[in-house]
C-alpha atoms as a PDB file:
ATOM      1  CA  MET A   1      -1.132 -15.670 -26.543  1.00  0.00           C
ATOM      2  CA  PRO A   2      -0.053 -17.955 -23.677  1.00  0.00           C
ATOM      3  CA  GLY A   3      -0.667 -21.677 -24.034  1.00  0.00           C
ATOM      4  CA  TRP A   4      -3.107 -21.859 -21.112  1.00  0.00           C
ATOM      5  CA  VAL A   5      -5.672 -19.404 -22.523  1.00  0.00           C
ATOM      6  CA  PRO A   6      -7.263 -21.852 -25.013  1.00  0.00           C
ATOM      7  CA  TRP A   7      -7.577 -24.432 -22.217  1.00  0.00           C
ATOM      8  CA  VAL A   8      -9.356 -21.947 -19.971  1.00  0.00           C
ATOM      9  CA  VAL A   9     -11.719 -20.941 -22.786  1.00  0.00           C
ATOM     10  CA  ALA A  10     -12.389 -24.596 -23.636  1.00  0.00           C
ATOM     11  CA  GLY A  11     -13.075 -25.337 -19.955  1.00  0.00           C
ATOM     12  CA  LEU A  12     -15.557 -22.461 -19.694  1.00  0.00           C
ATOM     13  CA  VAL A  13     -17.338 -23.571 -22.858  1.00  0.00           C
ATOM     14  CA  ALA A  14     -17.496 -27.142 -21.528  1.00  0.00           C
ATOM     15  CA  LEU A  15     -19.010 -25.905 -18.233  1.00  0.00           C
ATOM     16  CA  LEU A  16     -21.588 -23.847 -20.126  1.00  0.00           C
ATOM     17  CA  LEU A  17     -22.549 -26.827 -22.278  1.00  0.00           C
ATOM     18  CA  LEU A  18     -22.794 -29.074 -19.206  1.00  0.00           C
ATOM     19  CA  ASP A  19     -25.034 -26.499 -17.509  1.00  0.00           C
ATOM     20  CA  ARG A  20     -27.320 -26.371 -20.558  1.00  0.00           C
ATOM     21  CA  LEU A  21     -27.453 -30.170 -20.707  1.00  0.00           C
ATOM     22  CA  LEU A  22     -28.390 -30.412 -17.033  1.00  0.00           C
ATOM     23  CA  LEU A  23     -31.063 -27.720 -17.438  1.00  0.00           C
ATOM     24  CA  ARG A  24     -32.522 -29.642 -20.383  1.00  0.00           C
ATOM     25  CA  LEU A  25     -32.603 -32.867 -18.357  1.00  0.00           C
ATOM     26  CA  GLU A  26     -34.288 -30.981 -15.527  1.00  0.00           C
ATOM     27  CA  GLN A  27     -36.863 -29.557 -17.931  1.00  0.00           C
ATOM     28  CA  LYS A  28     -37.740 -33.084 -19.022  1.00  0.00           C
ATOM     29  CA  GLY A  29     -38.195 -34.052 -15.374  1.00  0.00           C
ATOM     30  CA  TRP A  30     -35.324 -36.509 -15.252  1.00  0.00           C
ATOM     31  CA  ILE A  31     -33.258 -34.715 -12.572  1.00  0.00           C
ATOM     32  CA  PHE A  32     -33.462 -31.927 -10.007  1.00  0.00           C
ATOM     33  CA  TYR A  33     -30.748 -29.394 -10.767  1.00  0.00           C
ATOM     34  CA  ARG A  34     -31.118 -25.635 -10.374  1.00  0.00           C
ATOM     35  CA  ARG A  35     -34.678 -24.530 -10.945  1.00  0.00           C
ATOM     36  CA  THR A  36     -36.673 -27.358  -9.430  1.00  0.00           C
ATOM     37  CA  ARG A  37     -36.647 -28.109  -5.754  1.00  0.00           C
ATOM     38  CA  GLY A  38     -36.179 -31.767  -5.031  1.00  0.00           C
ATOM     39  CA  PRO A  39     -38.341 -33.809  -2.710  1.00  0.00           C
ATOM     40  CA  ARG A  40     -37.664 -33.579   0.989  1.00  0.00           C
ATOM     41  CA  GLY A  41     -35.757 -36.630   2.031  1.00  0.00           C
ATOM     42  CA  GLY A  42     -35.926 -38.584   5.218  1.00  0.00           C
ATOM     43  CA  ALA A  43     -32.182 -38.233   5.698  1.00  0.00           C
ATOM     44  CA  THR A  44     -32.599 -34.630   6.813  1.00  0.00           C
ATOM     45  CA  TYR A  45     -34.924 -35.768   9.583  1.00  0.00           C
ATOM     46  CA  HIS A  46     -32.371 -38.282  10.850  1.00  0.00           C
ATOM     47  CA  VAL A  47     -29.514 -35.777  10.759  1.00  0.00           C
ATOM     48  CA  ARG A  48     -31.546 -33.341  12.886  1.00  0.00           C
ATOM     49  CA  GLU A  49     -32.420 -36.147  15.292  1.00  0.00           C
ATOM     50  CA  MET A  50     -28.727 -36.970  15.747  1.00  0.00           C
ATOM     51  CA  ALA A  51     -27.892 -33.282  16.154  1.00  0.00           C
ATOM     52  CA  SER A  52     -30.493 -33.004  18.913  1.00  0.00           C
ATOM     53  CA  VAL A  53     -28.320 -35.279  21.056  1.00  0.00           C
ATOM     54  CA  PHE A  54     -25.660 -32.560  21.181  1.00  0.00           C
ATOM     55  CA  ASP A  55     -27.982 -29.542  21.080  1.00  0.00           C
ATOM     56  CA  PRO A  56     -31.340 -30.170  22.756  1.00  0.00           C
ATOM     57  CA  GLY A  57     -32.758 -26.918  21.316  1.00  0.00           C
ATOM     58  CA  ILE A  58     -32.847 -28.533  17.895  1.00  0.00           C
ATOM     59  CA  LYS A  59     -35.491 -30.957  19.179  1.00  0.00           C
ATOM     60  CA  TYR A  60     -38.043 -28.126  19.259  1.00  0.00           C
ATOM     61  CA  VAL A  61     -37.151 -27.174  15.687  1.00  0.00           C
ATOM     62  CA  GLN A  62     -37.544 -30.796  14.625  1.00  0.00           C
ATOM     63  CA  GLU A  63     -40.979 -31.031  16.234  1.00  0.00           C
ATOM     64  CA  GLU A  64     -42.097 -27.783  14.583  1.00  0.00           C
ATOM     65  CA  ILE A  65     -40.982 -28.968  11.146  1.00  0.00           C
ATOM     66  CA  VAL A  66     -42.801 -32.288  11.560  1.00  0.00           C
ATOM     67  CA  GLU A  67     -45.968 -30.423  12.587  1.00  0.00           C
ATOM     68  CA  GLU A  68     -45.728 -28.089   9.571  1.00  0.00           C
ATOM     69  CA  GLU A  69     -45.252 -31.029   7.215  1.00  0.00           C
ATOM     70  CA  ALA A  70     -48.270 -32.772   8.754  1.00  0.00           C
ATOM     71  CA  GLU A  71     -50.366 -29.626   8.285  1.00  0.00           C
ATOM     72  CA  GLN A  72     -49.208 -29.352   4.680  1.00  0.00           C
ATOM     73  CA  ASP A  73     -50.146 -32.984   4.053  1.00  0.00           C
ATOM     74  CA  GLU A  74     -53.609 -32.387   5.479  1.00  0.00           C
ATOM     75  CA  SER A  75     -54.275 -29.125   3.625  1.00  0.00           C
ATOM     76  CA  GLY A  76     -52.524 -29.999   0.373  1.00  0.00           C
ATOM     77  CA  GLU A  77     -50.968 -26.533   0.179  1.00  0.00           C
ATOM     78  CA  PRO A  78     -47.191 -26.129  -0.203  1.00  0.00           C
ATOM     79  CA  LEU A  79     -45.185 -24.874   2.749  1.00  0.00           C
ATOM     80  CA  GLY A  80     -44.382 -21.160   2.745  1.00  0.00           C
ATOM     81  CA  ASP A  81     -40.587 -20.780   2.502  1.00  0.00           C
END
């Protein structure tokens, strides 16, 4: 057996264990990882605003998203993705 095979197997096992650890932390509510969608950040809004300088069509998308978020805040229902 070549010398690199045990290293590859050990690496795969380490990745699997790391995945399980991160899923456990997510289950406890400490992090957002794979199964839970994180909160929408304000950074996305600012990136779209800067992009609208170069592509004015994005401005309409930005306005629509802000309106949908306002409607969701008023109704209390989650947005349909």
